Amino acid sequence: MDIEFNSVSELYERLKPALKSKVQELKRDGYTYLTCEDIWNYLKEKKWQNSRNLSLNEMVDDIFNSDNTIIDDYFKGKLNKKTRRVYFDEEM
C-alpha cells in the first residue's frame, strides 16, 4: 500500500516523529540549538533535492542516518549567510 501526500506540510507532519527523535539525538550530542525544521531543510535542500519517488521508509532512514556534524555545518552555513546579508543590508 503506497501512502500519498497532498502537500509538503502533510509529509512533514508524517515525518515529524522521526525528526523529533533525531533532534533528541542531536541534543544528546551537544547540538542543543538544532530543530526539526533545521533537519528537514537540510534533507530537503541537500539530500532529497534531486530525488524522485522516495518512499517513507527511505526518508525516515535518511533522517536517522544523517551525520550530525553535516547537519550542523549546513545550519551554521545558512545562519552565516543570513547574518552576512543582514549586515550588508544595514551597511547600504
PDB file of N, CA and C in Angstrom:
ATOM      1  N   MET A   1       0.834  -1.173   0.000  1.00  0.00           N
ATOM      2  CA  MET A   1       0.000   0.000   0.000  1.00  0.00           C
ATOM      3  C   MET A   1       0.887   1.248   0.000  1.00  0.00           C
ATOM      4  N   ASP A   2       0.776   2.078  -1.002  1.00  0.00           N
ATOM      5  CA  ASP A   2       1.530   3.319  -1.082  1.00  0.00           C
ATOM      6  C   ASP A   2       0.752   4.438  -0.399  1.00  0.00           C
ATOM      7  N   ILE A   3       1.472   5.220   0.362  1.00  0.00           N
ATOM      8  CA  ILE A   3       0.873   6.378   1.015  1.00  0.00           C
ATOM      9  C   ILE A   3       1.195   7.590   0.166  1.00  0.00           C
ATOM     10  N   GLU A   4       0.173   8.362  -0.159  1.00  0.00           N
ATOM     11  CA  GLU A   4       0.385   9.573  -0.937  1.00  0.00           C
ATOM     12  C   GLU A   4       0.054  10.781  -0.071  1.00  0.00           C
ATOM     13  N   PHE A   5       0.814  11.848  -0.304  1.00  0.00           N
ATOM     14  CA  PHE A   5       0.631  13.067   0.461  1.00  0.00           C
ATOM     15  C   PHE A   5       0.179  14.167  -0.480  1.00  0.00           C
ATOM     16  N   ASN A   6      -0.746  14.976  -0.006  1.00  0.00           N
ATOM     17  CA  ASN A   6      -1.301  16.047  -0.828  1.00  0.00           C
ATOM     18  C   ASN A   6      -0.499  17.346  -0.751  1.00  0.00           C
ATOM     19  N   SER A   7       0.423  17.425   0.219  1.00  0.00           N
ATOM     20  CA  SER A   7       1.225  18.640   0.361  1.00  0.00           C
ATOM     21  C   SER A   7       2.532  18.301   1.063  1.00  0.00           C
ATOM     22  N   VAL A   8       3.472  19.202   0.936  1.00  0.00           N
ATOM     23  CA  VAL A   8       4.746  19.046   1.621  1.00  0.00           C
ATOM     24  C   VAL A   8       4.539  19.124   3.131  1.00  0.00           C
ATOM     25  N   SER A   9       3.629  19.988   3.568  1.00  0.00           N
ATOM     26  CA  SER A   9       3.380  20.105   5.008  1.00  0.00           C
ATOM     27  C   SER A   9       2.766  18.818   5.575  1.00  0.00           C
ATOM     28  N   GLU A  10       1.960  18.140   4.797  1.00  0.00           N
ATOM     29  CA  GLU A  10       1.389  16.862   5.227  1.00  0.00           C
ATOM     30  C   GLU A  10       2.500  15.814   5.376  1.00  0.00           C
ATOM     31  N   LEU A  11       3.440  15.796   4.444  1.00  0.00           N
ATOM     32  CA  LEU A  11       4.583  14.883   4.528  1.00  0.00           C
ATOM     33  C   LEU A  11       5.437  15.221   5.745  1.00  0.00           C
ATOM     34  N   TYR A  12       5.683  16.497   5.958  1.00  0.00           N
ATOM     35  CA  TYR A  12       6.467  16.939   7.114  1.00  0.00           C
ATOM     36  C   TYR A  12       5.822  16.448   8.416  1.00  0.00           C
ATOM     37  N   GLU A  13       4.524  16.600   8.542  1.00  0.00           N
ATOM     38  CA  GLU A  13       3.821  16.156   9.751  1.00  0.00           C
ATOM     39  C   GLU A  13       3.948  14.652   9.943  1.00  0.00           C
ATOM     40  N   ARG A  14       3.927  13.913   8.851  1.00  0.00           N
ATOM     41  CA  ARG A  14       4.055  12.454   8.930  1.00  0.00           C
ATOM     42  C   ARG A  14       5.469  12.049   9.385  1.00  0.00           C
ATOM     43  N   LEU A  15       6.461  12.841   8.975  1.00  0.00           N
ATOM     44  CA  LEU A  15       7.850  12.553   9.333  1.00  0.00           C
ATOM     45  C   LEU A  15       8.266  13.161  10.676  1.00  0.00           C
ATOM     46  N   LYS A  16       7.415  13.965  11.259  1.00  0.00           N
ATOM     47  CA  LYS A  16       7.761  14.707  12.474  1.00  0.00           C
ATOM     48  C   LYS A  16       8.219  13.810  13.632  1.00  0.00           C
ATOM     49  N   PRO A  17       7.618  12.645  13.874  1.00  0.00           N
ATOM     50  CA  PRO A  17       8.139  11.796  14.962  1.00  0.00           C
ATOM     51  C   PRO A  17       9.607  11.400  14.746  1.00  0.00           C
ATOM     52  N   ALA A  18       9.977  11.094  13.525  1.00  0.00           N
ATOM     53  CA  ALA A  18      11.372  10.747  13.232  1.00  0.00           C
ATOM     54  C   ALA A  18      12.265  11.974  13.395  1.00  0.00           C
ATOM     55  N   LEU A  19      11.784  13.133  12.950  1.00  0.00           N
ATOM     56  CA  LEU A  19      12.550  14.366  13.099  1.00  0.00           C
ATOM     57  C   LEU A  19      12.758  14.700  14.578  1.00  0.00           C
ATOM     58  N   LYS A  20      11.715  14.530  15.391  1.00  0.00           N
ATOM     59  CA  LYS A  20      11.827  14.795  16.827  1.00  0.00           C
ATOM     60  C   LYS A  20      12.830  13.853  17.484  1.00  0.00           C
ATOM     61  N   SER A  21      12.822  12.616  17.049  1.00  0.00           N
ATOM     62  CA  SER A  21      13.772  11.645  17.577  1.00  0.00           C
ATOM     63  C   SER A  21      15.205  12.050  17.222  1.00  0.00           C
ATOM     64  N   LYS A  22      15.407  12.525  16.001  1.00  0.00           N
ATOM     65  CA  LYS A  22      16.733  12.978  15.581  1.00  0.00           C
ATOM     66  C   LYS A  22      17.151  14.210  16.384  1.00  0.00           C
ATOM     67  N   VAL A  23      16.227  15.113  16.670  1.00  0.00           N
ATOM     68  CA  VAL A  23      16.534  16.287  17.485  1.00  0.00           C
ATOM     69  C   VAL A  23      17.006  15.844  18.873  1.00  0.00           C
ATOM     70  N   GLN A  24      16.368  14.841  19.450  1.00  0.00           N
ATOM     71  CA  GLN A  24      16.787  14.329  20.757  1.00  0.00           C
ATOM     72  C   GLN A  24      18.210  13.774  20.697  1.00  0.00           C
ATOM     73  N   GLU A  25      18.528  13.056  19.617  1.00  0.00           N
ATOM     74  CA  GLU A  25      19.883  12.541  19.423  1.00  0.00           C
ATOM     75  C   GLU A  25      20.883  13.698  19.315  1.00  0.00           C
ATOM     76  N   LEU A  26      20.523  14.712  18.541  1.00  0.00           N
ATOM     77  CA  LEU A  26      21.391  15.876  18.381  1.00  0.00           C
ATOM     78  C   LEU A  26      21.629  16.562  19.723  1.00  0.00           C
ATOM     79  N   LYS A  27      20.577  16.697  20.526  1.00  0.00           N
ATOM     80  CA  LYS A  27      20.706  17.325  21.843  1.00  0.00           C
ATOM     81  C   LYS A  27      21.663  16.537  22.733  1.00  0.00           C
ATOM     82  N   ARG A  28      21.555  15.207  22.690  1.00  0.00           N
ATOM     83  CA  ARG A  28      22.470  14.357  23.474  1.00  0.00           C
ATOM     84  C   ARG A  28      23.920  14.559  23.040  1.00  0.00           C
ATOM     85  N   ASP A  29      24.116  14.870  21.768  1.00  0.00           N
ATOM     86  CA  ASP A  29      25.464  15.071  21.223  1.00  0.00           C
ATOM     87  C   ASP A  29      25.930  16.524  21.335  1.00  0.00           C
ATOM     88  N   GLY A  30      25.133  17.376  21.996  1.00  0.00           N
ATOM     89  CA  GLY A  30      25.550  18.743  22.252  1.00  0.00           C
ATOM     90  C   GLY A  30      25.045  19.780  21.260  1.00  0.00           C
ATOM     91  N   TYR A  31      24.261  19.366  20.274  1.00  0.00           N
ATOM     92  CA  TYR A  31      23.708  20.304  19.287  1.00  0.00           C
ATOM     93  C   TYR A  31      22.319  20.745  19.762  1.00  0.00           C
ATOM     94  N   THR A  32      22.297  21.515  20.831  1.00  0.00           N
ATOM     95  CA  THR A  32      21.040  21.834  21.509  1.00  0.00           C
ATOM     96  C   THR A  32      20.197  22.867  20.772  1.00  0.00           C
ATOM     97  N   TYR A  33      20.747  23.534  19.781  1.00  0.00           N
ATOM     98  CA  TYR A  33      20.070  24.614  19.063  1.00  0.00           C
ATOM     99  C   TYR A  33      19.399  24.154  17.771  1.00  0.00           C
ATOM    100  N   LEU A  34      19.614  22.921  17.338  1.00  0.00           N
ATOM    101  CA  LEU A  34      19.021  22.443  16.089  1.00  0.00           C
ATOM    102  C   LEU A  34      17.592  21.974  16.314  1.00  0.00           C
ATOM    103  N   THR A  35      16.743  22.216  15.324  1.00  0.00           N
ATOM    104  CA  THR A  35      15.320  21.904  15.422  1.00  0.00           C
ATOM    105  C   THR A  35      14.894  20.928  14.326  1.00  0.00           C
ATOM    106  N   CYS A  36      13.664  20.483  14.426  1.00  0.00           N
ATOM    107  CA  CYS A  36      13.085  19.632  13.375  1.00  0.00           C
ATOM    108  C   CYS A  36      13.163  20.335  12.021  1.00  0.00           C
ATOM    109  N   GLU A  37      12.874  21.618  12.011  1.00  0.00           N
ATOM    110  CA  GLU A  37      12.884  22.382  10.763  1.00  0.00           C
ATOM    111  C   GLU A  37      14.280  22.446  10.157  1.00  0.00           C
ATOM    112  N   ASP A  38      15.306  22.538  11.004  1.00  0.00           N
ATOM    113  CA  ASP A  38      16.680  22.564  10.504  1.00  0.00           C
ATOM    114  C   ASP A  38      17.035  21.253   9.809  1.00  0.00           C
ATOM    115  N   ILE A  39      16.668  20.140  10.415  1.00  0.00           N
ATOM    116  CA  ILE A  39      16.934  18.827   9.815  1.00  0.00           C
ATOM    117  C   ILE A  39      16.146  18.686   8.526  1.00  0.00           C
ATOM    118  N   TRP A  40      14.874  19.049   8.562  1.00  0.00           N
ATOM    119  CA  TRP A  40      14.003  18.993   7.390  1.00  0.00           C
ATOM    120  C   TRP A  40      14.589  19.807   6.235  1.00  0.00           C
ATOM    121  N   ASN A  41      14.993  21.038   6.531  1.00  0.00           N
ATOM    122  CA  ASN A  41      15.540  21.900   5.486  1.00  0.00           C
ATOM    123  C   ASN A  41      16.835  21.344   4.913  1.00  0.00           C
ATOM    124  N   TYR A  42      17.686  20.810   5.769  1.00  0.00           N
ATOM    125  CA  TYR A  42      18.926  20.192   5.288  1.00  0.00           C
ATOM    126  C   TYR A  42      18.623  19.062   4.317  1.00  0.00           C
ATOM    127  N   LEU A  43      17.762  18.151   4.737  1.00  0.00           N
ATOM    128  CA  LEU A  43      17.439  16.999   3.888  1.00  0.00           C
ATOM    129  C   LEU A  43      16.753  17.432   2.599  1.00  0.00           C
ATOM    130  N   LYS A  44      15.833  18.359   2.713  1.00  0.00           N
ATOM    131  CA  LYS A  44      15.085  18.824   1.544  1.00  0.00           C
ATOM    132  C   LYS A  44      16.003  19.512   0.536  1.00  0.00           C
ATOM    133  N   GLU A  45      16.918  20.325   1.026  1.00  0.00           N
ATOM    134  CA  GLU A  45      17.769  21.123   0.140  1.00  0.00           C
ATOM    135  C   GLU A  45      19.033  20.400  -0.309  1.00  0.00           C
ATOM    136  N   LYS A  46      19.508  19.439   0.470  1.00  0.00           N
ATOM    137  CA  LYS A  46      20.770  18.772   0.135  1.00  0.00           C
ATOM    138  C   LYS A  46      20.592  17.302  -0.267  1.00  0.00           C
ATOM    139  N   LYS A  47      19.916  16.550   0.545  1.00  0.00           N
ATOM    140  CA  LYS A  47      19.829  15.099   0.343  1.00  0.00           C
ATOM    141  C   LYS A  47      18.746  14.710  -0.666  1.00  0.00           C
ATOM    142  N   TRP A  48      17.600  15.349  -0.586  1.00  0.00           N
ATOM    143  CA  TRP A  48      16.453  14.945  -1.406  1.00  0.00           C
ATOM    144  C   TRP A  48      16.217  15.836  -2.614  1.00  0.00           C
ATOM    145  N   GLN A  49      17.038  16.828  -2.819  1.00  0.00           N
ATOM    146  CA  GLN A  49      16.788  17.832  -3.858  1.00  0.00           C
ATOM    147  C   GLN A  49      16.545  17.220  -5.239  1.00  0.00           C
ATOM    148  N   ASN A  50      17.331  16.243  -5.628  1.00  0.00           N
ATOM    149  CA  ASN A  50      17.194  15.653  -6.960  1.00  0.00           C
ATOM    150  C   ASN A  50      16.568  14.270  -6.924  1.00  0.00           C
ATOM    151  N   SER A  51      16.025  13.881  -5.783  1.00  0.00           N
ATOM    152  CA  SER A  51      15.421  12.556  -5.640  1.00  0.00           C
ATOM    153  C   SER A  51      13.980  12.559  -6.123  1.00  0.00           C
ATOM    154  N   ARG A  52      13.574  11.423  -6.617  1.00  0.00           N
ATOM    155  CA  ARG A  52      12.194  11.250  -7.064  1.00  0.00           C
ATOM    156  C   ARG A  52      11.637   9.950  -6.498  1.00  0.00           C
ATOM    157  N   ASN A  53      10.362   9.976  -6.156  1.00  0.00           N
ATOM    158  CA  ASN A  53       9.649   8.783  -5.694  1.00  0.00           C
ATOM    159  C   ASN A  53      10.285   8.120  -4.477  1.00  0.00           C
ATOM    160  N   LEU A  54      10.731   8.921  -3.544  1.00  0.00           N
ATOM    161  CA  LEU A  54      11.258   8.360  -2.300  1.00  0.00           C
ATOM    162  C   LEU A  54      10.128   7.743  -1.498  1.00  0.00           C
ATOM    163  N   SER A  55      10.410   6.620  -0.898  1.00  0.00           N
ATOM    164  CA  SER A  55       9.407   6.013  -0.029  1.00  0.00           C
ATOM    165  C   SER A  55       9.548   6.614   1.369  1.00  0.00           C
ATOM    166  N   LEU A  56       8.510   6.474   2.147  1.00  0.00           N
ATOM    167  CA  LEU A  56       8.506   6.992   3.508  1.00  0.00           C
ATOM    168  C   LEU A  56       9.638   6.366   4.319  1.00  0.00           C
ATOM    169  N   ASN A  57       9.837   5.068   4.166  1.00  0.00           N
ATOM    170  CA  ASN A  57      10.893   4.420   4.938  1.00  0.00           C
ATOM    171  C   ASN A  57      12.284   4.893   4.505  1.00  0.00           C
ATOM    172  N   GLU A  58      12.489   5.246   3.248  1.00  0.00           N
ATOM    173  CA  GLU A  58      13.774   5.799   2.807  1.00  0.00           C
ATOM    174  C   GLU A  58      14.011   7.169   3.443  1.00  0.00           C
ATOM    175  N   MET A  59      12.953   7.945   3.527  1.00  0.00           N
ATOM    176  CA  MET A  59      13.081   9.268   4.132  1.00  0.00           C
ATOM    177  C   MET A  59      13.369   9.162   5.629  1.00  0.00           C
ATOM    178  N   VAL A  60      12.698   8.274   6.309  1.00  0.00           N
ATOM    179  CA  VAL A  60      12.941   8.055   7.737  1.00  0.00           C
ATOM    180  C   VAL A  60      14.378   7.565   7.935  1.00  0.00           C
ATOM    181  N   ASP A  61      14.831   6.669   7.085  1.00  0.00           N
ATOM    182  CA  ASP A  61      16.202   6.180   7.151  1.00  0.00           C
ATOM    183  C   ASP A  61      17.196   7.336   6.980  1.00  0.00           C
ATOM    184  N   ASP A  62      16.924   8.222   6.030  1.00  0.00           N
ATOM    185  CA  ASP A  62      17.787   9.388   5.825  1.00  0.00           C
ATOM    186  C   ASP A  62      17.816  10.285   7.063  1.00  0.00           C
ATOM    187  N   ILE A  63      16.673  10.453   7.710  1.00  0.00           N
ATOM    188  CA  ILE A  63      16.613  11.276   8.921  1.00  0.00           C
ATOM    189  C   ILE A  63      17.500  10.666  10.007  1.00  0.00           C
ATOM    190  N   PHE A  64      17.324   9.381  10.268  1.00  0.00           N
ATOM    191  CA  PHE A  64      18.068   8.736  11.344  1.00  0.00           C
ATOM    192  C   PHE A  64      19.553   8.594  11.049  1.00  0.00           C
ATOM    193  N   ASN A  65      19.917   8.456   9.790  1.00  0.00           N
ATOM    194  CA  ASN A  65      21.305   8.186   9.438  1.00  0.00           C
ATOM    195  C   ASN A  65      22.072   9.396   8.918  1.00  0.00           C
ATOM    196  N   SER A  66      21.482  10.566   8.979  1.00  0.00           N
ATOM    197  CA  SER A  66      22.204  11.774   8.586  1.00  0.00           C
ATOM    198  C   SER A  66      23.262  12.088   9.627  1.00  0.00           C
ATOM    199  N   ASP A  67      24.416  12.490   9.142  1.00  0.00           N
ATOM    200  CA  ASP A  67      25.538  12.814  10.019  1.00  0.00           C
ATOM    201  C   ASP A  67      25.257  14.113  10.765  1.00  0.00           C
ATOM    202  N   ASN A  68      25.340  14.063  12.076  1.00  0.00           N
ATOM    203  CA  ASN A  68      25.036  15.233  12.902  1.00  0.00           C
ATOM    204  C   ASN A  68      25.947  16.414  12.588  1.00  0.00           C
ATOM    205  N   THR A  69      27.213  16.144  12.328  1.00  0.00           N
ATOM    206  CA  THR A  69      28.161  17.214  12.016  1.00  0.00           C
ATOM    207  C   THR A  69      27.795  17.903  10.709  1.00  0.00           C
ATOM    208  N   ILE A  70      27.359  17.149   9.731  1.00  0.00           N
ATOM    209  CA  ILE A  70      26.986  17.730   8.435  1.00  0.00           C
ATOM    210  C   ILE A  70      25.729  18.589   8.575  1.00  0.00           C
ATOM    211  N   ILE A  71      24.759  18.125   9.353  1.00  0.00           N
ATOM    212  CA  ILE A  71      23.555  18.925   9.608  1.00  0.00           C
ATOM    213  C   ILE A  71      23.954  20.233  10.287  1.00  0.00           C
ATOM    214  N   ASP A  72      24.841  20.146  11.275  1.00  0.00           N
ATOM    215  CA  ASP A  72      25.302  21.326  11.995  1.00  0.00           C
ATOM    216  C   ASP A  72      26.039  22.283  11.059  1.00  0.00           C
ATOM    217  N   ASP A  73      26.911  21.760  10.215  1.00  0.00           N
ATOM    218  CA  ASP A  73      27.636  22.597   9.246  1.00  0.00           C
ATOM    219  C   ASP A  73      26.668  23.298   8.298  1.00  0.00           C
ATOM    220  N   TYR A  74      25.654  22.572   7.843  1.00  0.00           N
ATOM    221  CA  TYR A  74      24.642  23.158   6.959  1.00  0.00           C
ATOM    222  C   TYR A  74      23.927  24.307   7.675  1.00  0.00           C
ATOM    223  N   PHE A  75      23.499  24.060   8.911  1.00  0.00           N
ATOM    224  CA  PHE A  75      22.791  25.073   9.685  1.00  0.00           C
ATOM    225  C   PHE A  75      23.667  26.306   9.891  1.00  0.00           C
ATOM    226  N   LYS A  76      24.897  26.101  10.282  1.00  0.00           N
ATOM    227  CA  LYS A  76      25.805  27.228  10.530  1.00  0.00           C
ATOM    228  C   LYS A  76      26.088  27.997   9.245  1.00  0.00           C
ATOM    229  N   GLY A  77      26.169  27.290   8.114  1.00  0.00           N
ATOM    230  CA  GLY A  77      26.363  27.960   6.832  1.00  0.00           C
ATOM    231  C   GLY A  77      25.170  28.827   6.477  1.00  0.00           C
ATOM    232  N   LYS A  78      23.966  28.332   6.695  1.00  0.00           N
ATOM    233  CA  LYS A  78      22.751  29.118   6.441  1.00  0.00           C
ATOM    234  C   LYS A  78      22.684  30.312   7.382  1.00  0.00           C
ATOM    235  N   LEU A  79      23.011  30.098   8.632  1.00  0.00           N
ATOM    236  CA  LEU A  79      22.986  31.172   9.621  1.00  0.00           C
ATOM    237  C   LEU A  79      24.021  32.239   9.261  1.00  0.00           C
ATOM    238  N   ASN A  80      25.188  31.805   8.844  1.00  0.00           N
ATOM    239  CA  ASN A  80      26.252  32.725   8.470  1.00  0.00           C
ATOM    240  C   ASN A  80      25.842  33.570   7.261  1.00  0.00           C
ATOM    241  N   LYS A  81      25.205  32.951   6.264  1.00  0.00           N
ATOM    242  CA  LYS A  81      24.722  33.694   5.093  1.00  0.00           C
ATOM    243  C   LYS A  81      23.687  34.734   5.502  1.00  0.00           C
ATOM    244  N   LYS A  82      22.774  34.333   6.390  1.00  0.00           N
ATOM    245  CA  LYS A  82      21.720  35.242   6.843  1.00  0.00           C
ATOM    246  C   LYS A  82      22.328  36.416   7.607  1.00  0.00           C
ATOM    247  N   THR A  83      23.303  36.130   8.461  1.00  0.00           N
ATOM    248  CA  THR A  83      23.962  37.178   9.230  1.00  0.00           C
ATOM    249  C   THR A  83      24.696  38.146   8.310  1.00  0.00           C
ATOM    250  N   ARG A  84      25.408  37.612   7.326  1.00  0.00           N
ATOM    251  CA  ARG A  84      26.115  38.474   6.384  1.00  0.00           C
ATOM    252  C   ARG A  84      25.137  39.333   5.607  1.00  0.00           C
ATOM    253  N   ARG A  85      24.013  38.770   5.193  1.00  0.00           N
ATOM    254  CA  ARG A  85      23.019  39.509   4.411  1.00  0.00           C
ATOM    255  C   ARG A  85      22.454  40.669   5.231  1.00  0.00           C
ATOM    256  N   VAL A  86      22.125  40.419   6.489  1.00  0.00           N
ATOM    257  CA  VAL A  86      21.602  41.471   7.372  1.00  0.00           C
ATOM    258  C   VAL A  86      22.662  42.553   7.546  1.00  0.00           C
ATOM    259  N   TYR A  87      23.904  42.162   7.766  1.00  0.00           N
ATOM    260  CA  TYR A  87      24.982  43.114   7.963  1.00  0.00           C
ATOM    261  C   TYR A  87      25.156  44.002   6.738  1.00  0.00           C
ATOM    262  N   PHE A  88      25.224  43.384   5.551  1.00  0.00           N
ATOM    263  CA  PHE A  88      25.442  44.166   4.333  1.00  0.00           C
ATOM    264  C   PHE A  88      24.235  45.012   3.972  1.00  0.00           C
ATOM    265  N   ASP A  89      23.028  44.534   4.265  1.00  0.00           N
ATOM    266  CA  ASP A  89      21.826  45.327   4.012  1.00  0.00           C
ATOM    267  C   ASP A  89      21.799  46.571   4.887  1.00  0.00           C
ATOM    268  N   GLU A  90      22.273  46.437   6.126  1.00  0.00           N
ATOM    269  CA  GLU A  90      22.308  47.593   7.020  1.00  0.00           C
ATOM    270  C   GLU A  90      23.368  48.598   6.609  1.00  0.00           C
ATOM    271  N   GLU A  91      24.451  48.110   5.986  1.00  0.00           N
ATOM    272  CA  GLU A  91      25.533  48.988   5.555  1.00  0.00           C
ATOM    273  C   GLU A  91      25.140  49.850   4.367  1.00  0.00           C
ATOM    274  N   MET A  92      24.219  49.374   3.558  1.00  0.00           N
ATOM    275  CA  MET A  92      23.857  50.080   2.323  1.00  0.00           C
ATOM    276  C   MET A  92      22.878  51.177   2.560  1.00  0.00           C
TER     277      MET A  92
END
